[in-house]
Amino acid sequence: MSWDLGRLLAGLHEDIQARLAFAREAYGHPGTKGDATEAIWLELLKKYLPRRYCVDRAHVVDSDGTFSQQIDVVVYDRQYSPFVLHGDGQPVIPAESVYAVFEAKQQIDARHVAYAQEKARSVRKLCRTSLPIPHAGGVYPARALTHIIAGLLTLDSGWNPPFEEPIRRALADTDNDGRLDVGCVAAHGYFVLGETGDYVFTKEGRPATAFLFELIAKLQAQATVPMIDIRAYAKWLAPRE
């Protein structure tokens, strides 16, 4: 029997879709259902993203001490980031380290789109530092802040058909800080924010695998996060009144 790359890639999507469907059907408690859904997407990204990226459910914090809302899936740097805190087992990630944030839900609808936009906004509005980068021949200027990718990951859609005017209106109804760049509806397709500012919807295919490839391509295009000013965080070490 010969190897078949197409079959392997199809199998990846089918596994994710089947596990998401099982979580929806098997677990009666909404919290358990939600936790299982998040865990499936977290496992996918932990397994298949390059090792330079870490993936966790987490809060994000900036050097001013402002925290984001809790984010279901955070893709962040550990190669150049000096610290990730853990409060009672909950990761707290410095804003400078974040590459991407996603919400994971059972289905996409107007309410969940707005919720994902709100979560994205809570991360993107945080303060991020960027220092000049020393190297053997001198110092590179401080990097411009990279765009934080944001999206929504689901199994199904509350709209029928799923990719018509209602989803376009919901995705467009936000400011730049809330804009979603990419999303997966595993049972139907995936969407990407195009360079012209319009959303491109791809139906059917192997949505979970296609989303994974699209995310990796977007991460490759960003290179690395800025160099964090760790001293900006050190001010919080002083005794508090």
C-alpha atoms as a PDB file:
ATOM      1  CA  MET A   1       0.000   0.000   0.000  1.00  0.00           C
ATOM      2  CA  SER A   2       1.439   3.396  -1.009  1.00  0.00           C
ATOM      3  CA  TRP A   3       1.405   6.564   1.075  1.00  0.00           C
ATOM      4  CA  ASP A   4      -1.326   9.111   0.263  1.00  0.00           C
ATOM      5  CA  LEU A   5      -0.733  12.702   1.436  1.00  0.00           C
ATOM      6  CA  GLY A   6      -4.257  13.745   0.520  1.00  0.00           C
ATOM      7  CA  ARG A   7      -5.704  10.970   2.655  1.00  0.00           C
ATOM      8  CA  LEU A   8      -3.452  11.934   5.579  1.00  0.00           C
ATOM      9  CA  LEU A   9      -4.542  15.581   5.421  1.00  0.00           C
ATOM     10  CA  ALA A  10      -8.181  14.585   5.079  1.00  0.00           C
ATOM     11  CA  GLY A  11      -7.816  12.316   8.090  1.00  0.00           C
ATOM     12  CA  LEU A  12      -6.567  15.199  10.221  1.00  0.00           C
ATOM     13  CA  HIS A  13      -9.678  17.239   9.465  1.00  0.00           C
ATOM     14  CA  GLU A  14     -12.015  14.281   9.904  1.00  0.00           C
ATOM     15  CA  ASP A  15     -10.524  13.497  13.302  1.00  0.00           C
ATOM     16  CA  ILE A  16     -11.047  17.075  14.531  1.00  0.00           C
ATOM     17  CA  GLN A  17     -14.592  17.265  13.176  1.00  0.00           C
ATOM     18  CA  ALA A  18     -15.534  13.902  14.686  1.00  0.00           C
ATOM     19  CA  ARG A  19     -14.133  14.829  18.102  1.00  0.00           C
ATOM     20  CA  LEU A  20     -15.934  18.180  18.093  1.00  0.00           C
ATOM     21  CA  ALA A  21     -19.184  16.447  17.158  1.00  0.00           C
ATOM     22  CA  PHE A  22     -18.678  13.867  19.908  1.00  0.00           C
ATOM     23  CA  ALA A  23     -18.128  16.639  22.492  1.00  0.00           C
ATOM     24  CA  ARG A  24     -21.354  18.322  21.410  1.00  0.00           C
ATOM     25  CA  GLU A  25     -23.416  15.144  21.531  1.00  0.00           C
ATOM     26  CA  ALA A  26     -21.894  13.299  24.490  1.00  0.00           C
ATOM     27  CA  TYR A  27     -21.575  15.991  27.145  1.00  0.00           C
ATOM     28  CA  GLY A  28     -24.756  17.398  28.619  1.00  0.00           C
ATOM     29  CA  HIS A  29     -23.256  20.120  30.829  1.00  0.00           C
ATOM     30  CA  PRO A  30     -22.482  23.331  28.895  1.00  0.00           C
ATOM     31  CA  GLY A  31     -19.272  23.935  30.854  1.00  0.00           C
ATOM     32  CA  THR A  32     -18.005  20.402  30.195  1.00  0.00           C
ATOM     33  CA  LYS A  33     -18.957  20.725  26.534  1.00  0.00           C
ATOM     34  CA  GLY A  34     -17.086  24.038  26.297  1.00  0.00           C
ATOM     35  CA  ASP A  35     -13.991  22.703  28.046  1.00  0.00           C
ATOM     36  CA  ALA A  36     -13.877  19.699  25.718  1.00  0.00           C
ATOM     37  CA  THR A  37     -14.218  21.914  22.650  1.00  0.00           C
ATOM     38  CA  GLU A  38     -11.359  24.156  23.775  1.00  0.00           C
ATOM     39  CA  ALA A  39      -9.180  21.150  24.568  1.00  0.00           C
ATOM     40  CA  ILE A  40      -9.600  19.748  21.043  1.00  0.00           C
ATOM     41  CA  TRP A  41      -8.446  22.981  19.380  1.00  0.00           C
ATOM     42  CA  LEU A  42      -5.623  23.443  21.900  1.00  0.00           C
ATOM     43  CA  GLU A  43      -4.364  19.922  21.227  1.00  0.00           C
ATOM     44  CA  LEU A  44      -4.478  20.465  17.451  1.00  0.00           C
ATOM     45  CA  LEU A  45      -2.337  23.601  17.611  1.00  0.00           C
ATOM     46  CA  LYS A  46       0.050  22.239  20.244  1.00  0.00           C
ATOM     47  CA  LYS A  47       0.654  19.185  18.098  1.00  0.00           C
ATOM     48  CA  TYR A  48       1.044  20.784  14.681  1.00  0.00           C
ATOM     49  CA  LEU A  49       2.389  24.320  15.111  1.00  0.00           C
ATOM     50  CA  PRO A  50       6.201  24.662  14.972  1.00  0.00           C
ATOM     51  CA  ARG A  51       7.868  24.221  18.368  1.00  0.00           C
ATOM     52  CA  ARG A  52       8.770  27.901  18.624  1.00  0.00           C
ATOM     53  CA  TYR A  53       5.095  28.550  19.427  1.00  0.00           C
ATOM     54  CA  CYS A  54       3.321  27.676  22.667  1.00  0.00           C
ATOM     55  CA  VAL A  55      -0.451  27.339  22.980  1.00  0.00           C
ATOM     56  CA  ASP A  56      -2.557  27.710  26.137  1.00  0.00           C
ATOM     57  CA  ARG A  57      -5.805  28.959  27.556  1.00  0.00           C
ATOM     58  CA  ALA A  58      -4.664  32.114  29.352  1.00  0.00           C
ATOM     59  CA  HIS A  59      -5.002  35.725  30.375  1.00  0.00           C
ATOM     60  CA  VAL A  60      -2.725  38.344  28.811  1.00  0.00           C
ATOM     61  CA  VAL A  61      -1.196  41.195  30.832  1.00  0.00           C
ATOM     62  CA  ASP A  62       0.740  44.335  29.929  1.00  0.00           C
ATOM     63  CA  SER A  63       3.415  46.324  31.760  1.00  0.00           C
ATOM     64  CA  ASP A  64       0.758  48.764  33.034  1.00  0.00           C
ATOM     65  CA  GLY A  65      -0.839  45.893  34.952  1.00  0.00           C
ATOM     66  CA  THR A  66      -3.905  45.691  32.690  1.00  0.00           C
ATOM     67  CA  PHE A  67      -5.283  42.206  32.036  1.00  0.00           C
ATOM     68  CA  SER A  68      -7.218  40.877  29.071  1.00  0.00           C
ATOM     69  CA  GLN A  69     -10.294  38.751  29.419  1.00  0.00           C
ATOM     70  CA  GLN A  70      -9.640  35.016  29.589  1.00  0.00           C
ATOM     71  CA  ILE A  71      -8.802  33.728  26.123  1.00  0.00           C
ATOM     72  CA  ASP A  72      -9.613  30.157  25.063  1.00  0.00           C
ATOM     73  CA  VAL A  73      -6.583  29.732  22.798  1.00  0.00           C
ATOM     74  CA  VAL A  74      -3.458  31.932  22.924  1.00  0.00           C
ATOM     75  CA  VAL A  75      -0.544  31.299  20.559  1.00  0.00           C
ATOM     76  CA  TYR A  76       2.546  32.894  22.051  1.00  0.00           C
ATOM     77  CA  ASP A  77       6.328  32.999  21.971  1.00  0.00           C
ATOM     78  CA  ARG A  78       8.643  31.215  24.408  1.00  0.00           C
ATOM     79  CA  GLN A  79      11.862  31.472  22.428  1.00  0.00           C
ATOM     80  CA  TYR A  80      12.311  35.200  22.998  1.00  0.00           C
ATOM     81  CA  SER A  81       9.928  35.788  25.917  1.00  0.00           C
ATOM     82  CA  PRO A  82      11.611  35.731  29.328  1.00  0.00           C
ATOM     83  CA  PHE A  83       8.615  34.799  31.439  1.00  0.00           C
ATOM     84  CA  VAL A  84       5.116  33.403  31.626  1.00  0.00           C
ATOM     85  CA  LEU A  85       3.480  33.601  35.047  1.00  0.00           C
ATOM     86  CA  HIS A  86       1.177  30.988  36.540  1.00  0.00           C
ATOM     87  CA  GLY A  87      -1.460  32.093  39.025  1.00  0.00           C
ATOM     88  CA  ASP A  88      -3.103  29.035  40.590  1.00  0.00           C
ATOM     89  CA  GLY A  89      -2.241  27.059  37.461  1.00  0.00           C
ATOM     90  CA  GLN A  90      -3.630  29.719  35.096  1.00  0.00           C
ATOM     91  CA  PRO A  91      -1.029  31.024  32.611  1.00  0.00           C
ATOM     92  CA  VAL A  92      -0.579  34.788  32.468  1.00  0.00           C
ATOM     93  CA  ILE A  93       1.266  35.827  29.313  1.00  0.00           C
ATOM     94  CA  PRO A  94       2.956  39.195  28.658  1.00  0.00           C
ATOM     95  CA  ALA A  95       1.278  41.071  25.818  1.00  0.00           C
ATOM     96  CA  GLU A  96       4.541  41.321  23.858  1.00  0.00           C
ATOM     97  CA  SER A  97       4.663  37.516  23.526  1.00  0.00           C
ATOM     98  CA  VAL A  98       1.271  37.043  21.852  1.00  0.00           C
ATOM     99  CA  TYR A  99       0.995  36.008  18.208  1.00  0.00           C
ATOM    100  CA  ALA A 100      -2.674  34.996  18.010  1.00  0.00           C
ATOM    101  CA  VAL A 101      -5.862  34.637  20.069  1.00  0.00           C
ATOM    102  CA  PHE A 102      -8.952  32.519  19.366  1.00  0.00           C
ATOM    103  CA  GLU A 103     -12.295  31.795  20.918  1.00  0.00           C
ATOM    104  CA  ALA A 104     -13.582  28.209  20.663  1.00  0.00           C
ATOM    105  CA  LYS A 105     -17.340  27.609  20.520  1.00  0.00           C
ATOM    106  CA  GLN A 106     -19.693  24.867  19.359  1.00  0.00           C
ATOM    107  CA  GLN A 107     -21.225  27.058  16.661  1.00  0.00           C
ATOM    108  CA  ILE A 108     -20.719  30.394  14.962  1.00  0.00           C
ATOM    109  CA  ASP A 109     -23.532  32.949  15.223  1.00  0.00           C
ATOM    110  CA  ALA A 110     -23.840  36.707  15.718  1.00  0.00           C
ATOM    111  CA  ARG A 111     -23.503  36.459  19.498  1.00  0.00           C
ATOM    112  CA  HIS A 112     -20.357  34.348  19.371  1.00  0.00           C
ATOM    113  CA  VAL A 113     -18.792  36.517  16.653  1.00  0.00           C
ATOM    114  CA  ALA A 114     -19.340  39.590  18.838  1.00  0.00           C
ATOM    115  CA  TYR A 115     -17.936  37.730  21.849  1.00  0.00           C
ATOM    116  CA  ALA A 116     -14.782  36.731  19.938  1.00  0.00           C
ATOM    117  CA  GLN A 117     -14.384  40.314  18.747  1.00  0.00           C
ATOM    118  CA  GLU A 118     -14.629  41.562  22.327  1.00  0.00           C
ATOM    119  CA  LYS A 119     -11.986  39.056  23.457  1.00  0.00           C
ATOM    120  CA  ALA A 120      -9.668  40.085  20.608  1.00  0.00           C
ATOM    121  CA  ARG A 121     -10.127  43.743  21.513  1.00  0.00           C
ATOM    122  CA  SER A 122      -9.225  43.079  25.150  1.00  0.00           C
ATOM    123  CA  VAL A 123      -5.825  41.744  24.022  1.00  0.00           C
ATOM    124  CA  ARG A 124      -5.029  44.141  21.180  1.00  0.00           C
ATOM    125  CA  LYS A 125      -5.687  47.234  23.318  1.00  0.00           C
ATOM    126  CA  LEU A 126      -2.989  46.228  25.821  1.00  0.00           C
ATOM    127  CA  CYS A 127       0.272  48.174  25.916  1.00  0.00           C
ATOM    128  CA  ARG A 128       3.223  46.400  24.258  1.00  0.00           C
ATOM    129  CA  THR A 129       6.852  47.444  24.565  1.00  0.00           C
ATOM    130  CA  SER A 130       9.549  47.007  21.919  1.00  0.00           C
ATOM    131  CA  LEU A 131      13.286  47.471  22.518  1.00  0.00           C
ATOM    132  CA  PRO A 132      16.215  47.797  20.097  1.00  0.00           C
ATOM    133  CA  ILE A 133      17.793  44.406  19.397  1.00  0.00           C
ATOM    134  CA  PRO A 134      21.540  43.931  20.064  1.00  0.00           C
ATOM    135  CA  HIS A 135      23.490  41.746  17.634  1.00  0.00           C
ATOM    136  CA  ALA A 136      27.135  40.942  16.872  1.00  0.00           C
ATOM    137  CA  GLY A 137      27.529  43.915  14.548  1.00  0.00           C
ATOM    138  CA  GLY A 138      25.649  46.525  16.568  1.00  0.00           C
ATOM    139  CA  VAL A 139      21.974  47.151  17.346  1.00  0.00           C
ATOM    140  CA  TYR A 140      18.881  46.744  15.206  1.00  0.00           C
ATOM    141  CA  PRO A 141      16.138  49.358  15.705  1.00  0.00           C
ATOM    142  CA  ALA A 142      13.138  48.356  17.798  1.00  0.00           C
ATOM    143  CA  ARG A 143      10.688  46.293  15.761  1.00  0.00           C
ATOM    144  CA  ALA A 144       7.298  47.669  14.927  1.00  0.00           C
ATOM    145  CA  LEU A 145       4.579  45.907  16.885  1.00  0.00           C
ATOM    146  CA  THR A 146       3.258  42.878  15.039  1.00  0.00           C
ATOM    147  CA  HIS A 147      -0.427  42.438  14.290  1.00  0.00           C
ATOM    148  CA  ILE A 148      -2.078  40.044  16.744  1.00  0.00           C
ATOM    149  CA  ILE A 149      -4.077  37.486  14.760  1.00  0.00           C
ATOM    150  CA  ALA A 150      -7.591  36.842  16.085  1.00  0.00           C
ATOM    151  CA  GLY A 151     -10.296  34.373  15.188  1.00  0.00           C
ATOM    152  CA  LEU A 152     -13.164  32.058  16.071  1.00  0.00           C
ATOM    153  CA  LEU A 153     -13.082  28.241  15.999  1.00  0.00           C
ATOM    154  CA  THR A 154     -16.339  26.251  15.835  1.00  0.00           C
ATOM    155  CA  LEU A 155     -17.861  22.990  14.677  1.00  0.00           C
ATOM    156  CA  ASP A 156     -21.128  24.206  13.181  1.00  0.00           C
ATOM    157  CA  SER A 157     -23.043  27.330  12.196  1.00  0.00           C
ATOM    158  CA  GLY A 158     -26.195  28.900  13.543  1.00  0.00           C
ATOM    159  CA  TRP A 159     -26.862  30.267  10.049  1.00  0.00           C
ATOM    160  CA  ASN A 160     -28.270  28.234   7.184  1.00  0.00           C
ATOM    161  CA  PRO A 161     -26.646  28.548   4.735  1.00  0.00           C
ATOM    162  CA  PRO A 162     -23.584  29.297   6.865  1.00  0.00           C
ATOM    163  CA  PHE A 163     -21.601  31.667   4.633  1.00  0.00           C
ATOM    164  CA  GLU A 164     -24.056  34.253   3.356  1.00  0.00           C
ATOM    165  CA  GLU A 165     -24.934  37.844   4.275  1.00  0.00           C
ATOM    166  CA  PRO A 166     -25.620  37.352   8.044  1.00  0.00           C
ATOM    167  CA  ILE A 167     -22.087  36.177   8.807  1.00  0.00           C
ATOM    168  CA  ARG A 168     -20.610  38.926   6.637  1.00  0.00           C
ATOM    169  CA  ARG A 169     -22.578  41.553   8.574  1.00  0.00           C
ATOM    170  CA  ALA A 170     -21.572  40.097  11.931  1.00  0.00           C
ATOM    171  CA  LEU A 171     -17.865  39.954  11.049  1.00  0.00           C
ATOM    172  CA  ALA A 172     -17.907  43.511   9.656  1.00  0.00           C
ATOM    173  CA  ASP A 173     -19.695  44.993  12.693  1.00  0.00           C
ATOM    174  CA  THR A 174     -16.603  45.965  14.702  1.00  0.00           C
ATOM    175  CA  ASP A 175     -13.623  48.287  14.923  1.00  0.00           C
ATOM    176  CA  ASN A 176     -10.051  47.387  13.930  1.00  0.00           C
ATOM    177  CA  ASP A 177      -9.181  46.128  17.414  1.00  0.00           C
ATOM    178  CA  GLY A 178     -12.026  43.609  17.268  1.00  0.00           C
ATOM    179  CA  ARG A 179     -11.501  42.481  13.688  1.00  0.00           C
ATOM    180  CA  LEU A 180     -11.294  38.697  13.237  1.00  0.00           C
ATOM    181  CA  ASP A 181      -8.643  37.565  10.749  1.00  0.00           C
ATOM    182  CA  VAL A 182      -9.477  33.910  10.322  1.00  0.00           C
ATOM    183  CA  GLY A 183     -12.001  31.349  11.492  1.00  0.00           C
ATOM    184  CA  CYS A 184     -12.944  27.716  11.093  1.00  0.00           C
ATOM    185  CA  VAL A 185     -16.415  26.186  10.971  1.00  0.00           C
ATOM    186  CA  ALA A 186     -15.262  22.582  10.817  1.00  0.00           C
ATOM    187  CA  ALA A 187     -18.491  21.146   9.394  1.00  0.00           C
ATOM    188  CA  HIS A 188     -18.787  23.743   6.609  1.00  0.00           C
ATOM    189  CA  GLY A 189     -15.578  25.628   5.731  1.00  0.00           C
ATOM    190  CA  TYR A 190     -13.350  28.462   6.874  1.00  0.00           C
ATOM    191  CA  PHE A 191     -12.945  32.208   6.342  1.00  0.00           C
ATOM    192  CA  VAL A 192     -10.027  34.620   6.012  1.00  0.00           C
ATOM    193  CA  LEU A 193      -9.898  38.413   6.043  1.00  0.00           C
ATOM    194  CA  GLY A 194      -8.471  39.360   2.657  1.00  0.00           C
ATOM    195  CA  GLU A 195      -5.984  42.122   1.885  1.00  0.00           C
ATOM    196  CA  THR A 196      -8.808  44.322   0.520  1.00  0.00           C
ATOM    197  CA  GLY A 197     -10.668  44.132   3.854  1.00  0.00           C
ATOM    198  CA  ASP A 198     -13.332  41.729   2.578  1.00  0.00           C
ATOM    199  CA  TYR A 199     -13.812  38.223   3.925  1.00  0.00           C
ATOM    200  CA  VAL A 200     -13.114  35.237   1.715  1.00  0.00           C
ATOM    201  CA  PHE A 201     -15.162  32.124   2.535  1.00  0.00           C
ATOM    202  CA  THR A 202     -14.034  28.663   1.455  1.00  0.00           C
ATOM    203  CA  LYS A 203     -16.774  26.051   1.657  1.00  0.00           C
ATOM    204  CA  GLU A 204     -16.329  22.345   2.299  1.00  0.00           C
ATOM    205  CA  GLY A 205     -12.852  20.961   1.568  1.00  0.00           C
ATOM    206  CA  ARG A 206     -11.015  19.983   4.738  1.00  0.00           C
ATOM    207  CA  PRO A 207     -11.690  23.080   6.888  1.00  0.00           C
ATOM    208  CA  ALA A 208      -9.743  22.149  10.036  1.00  0.00           C
ATOM    209  CA  THR A 209      -6.625  21.260   8.043  1.00  0.00           C
ATOM    210  CA  ALA A 210      -7.021  24.292   5.772  1.00  0.00           C
ATOM    211  CA  PHE A 211      -7.394  26.574   8.794  1.00  0.00           C
ATOM    212  CA  LEU A 212      -4.233  25.101  10.334  1.00  0.00           C
ATOM    213  CA  PHE A 213      -2.272  25.751   7.137  1.00  0.00           C
ATOM    214  CA  GLU A 214      -3.624  29.306   6.887  1.00  0.00           C
ATOM    215  CA  LEU A 215      -2.646  30.051  10.486  1.00  0.00           C
ATOM    216  CA  ILE A 216       0.871  28.690   9.977  1.00  0.00           C
ATOM    217  CA  ALA A 217       1.245  30.851   6.856  1.00  0.00           C
ATOM    218  CA  LYS A 218       0.117  33.945   8.762  1.00  0.00           C
ATOM    219  CA  LEU A 219       2.544  33.179  11.600  1.00  0.00           C
ATOM    220  CA  GLN A 220       5.399  32.690   9.131  1.00  0.00           C
ATOM    221  CA  ALA A 221       4.666  36.100   7.614  1.00  0.00           C
ATOM    222  CA  GLN A 222       4.972  37.767  11.030  1.00  0.00           C
ATOM    223  CA  ALA A 223       8.457  36.409  11.821  1.00  0.00           C
ATOM    224  CA  THR A 224       9.096  37.058  15.550  1.00  0.00           C
ATOM    225  CA  VAL A 225       7.494  39.155  18.264  1.00  0.00           C
ATOM    226  CA  PRO A 226       9.182  42.408  19.416  1.00  0.00           C
ATOM    227  CA  MET A 227      11.887  42.363  22.090  1.00  0.00           C
ATOM    228  CA  ILE A 228      10.113  42.889  25.414  1.00  0.00           C
ATOM    229  CA  ASP A 229      11.235  45.604  27.844  1.00  0.00           C
ATOM    230  CA  ILE A 230      11.384  43.441  30.931  1.00  0.00           C
ATOM    231  CA  ARG A 231      12.239  46.449  33.148  1.00  0.00           C
ATOM    232  CA  ALA A 232       8.813  47.884  32.347  1.00  0.00           C
ATOM    233  CA  TYR A 233       7.360  44.929  34.240  1.00  0.00           C
ATOM    234  CA  ALA A 234       9.946  45.092  37.034  1.00  0.00           C
ATOM    235  CA  LYS A 235       8.300  48.216  38.455  1.00  0.00           C
ATOM    236  CA  TRP A 236       5.606  45.926  39.854  1.00  0.00           C
ATOM    237  CA  LEU A 237       8.204  44.333  42.133  1.00  0.00           C
ATOM    238  CA  ALA A 238       8.211  47.363  44.422  1.00  0.00           C
ATOM    239  CA  PRO A 239       6.284  46.928  47.718  1.00  0.00           C
ATOM    240  CA  ARG A 240       2.705  48.101  47.419  1.00  0.00           C
ATOM    241  CA  GLU A 241       1.158  50.521  49.910  1.00  0.00           C
END
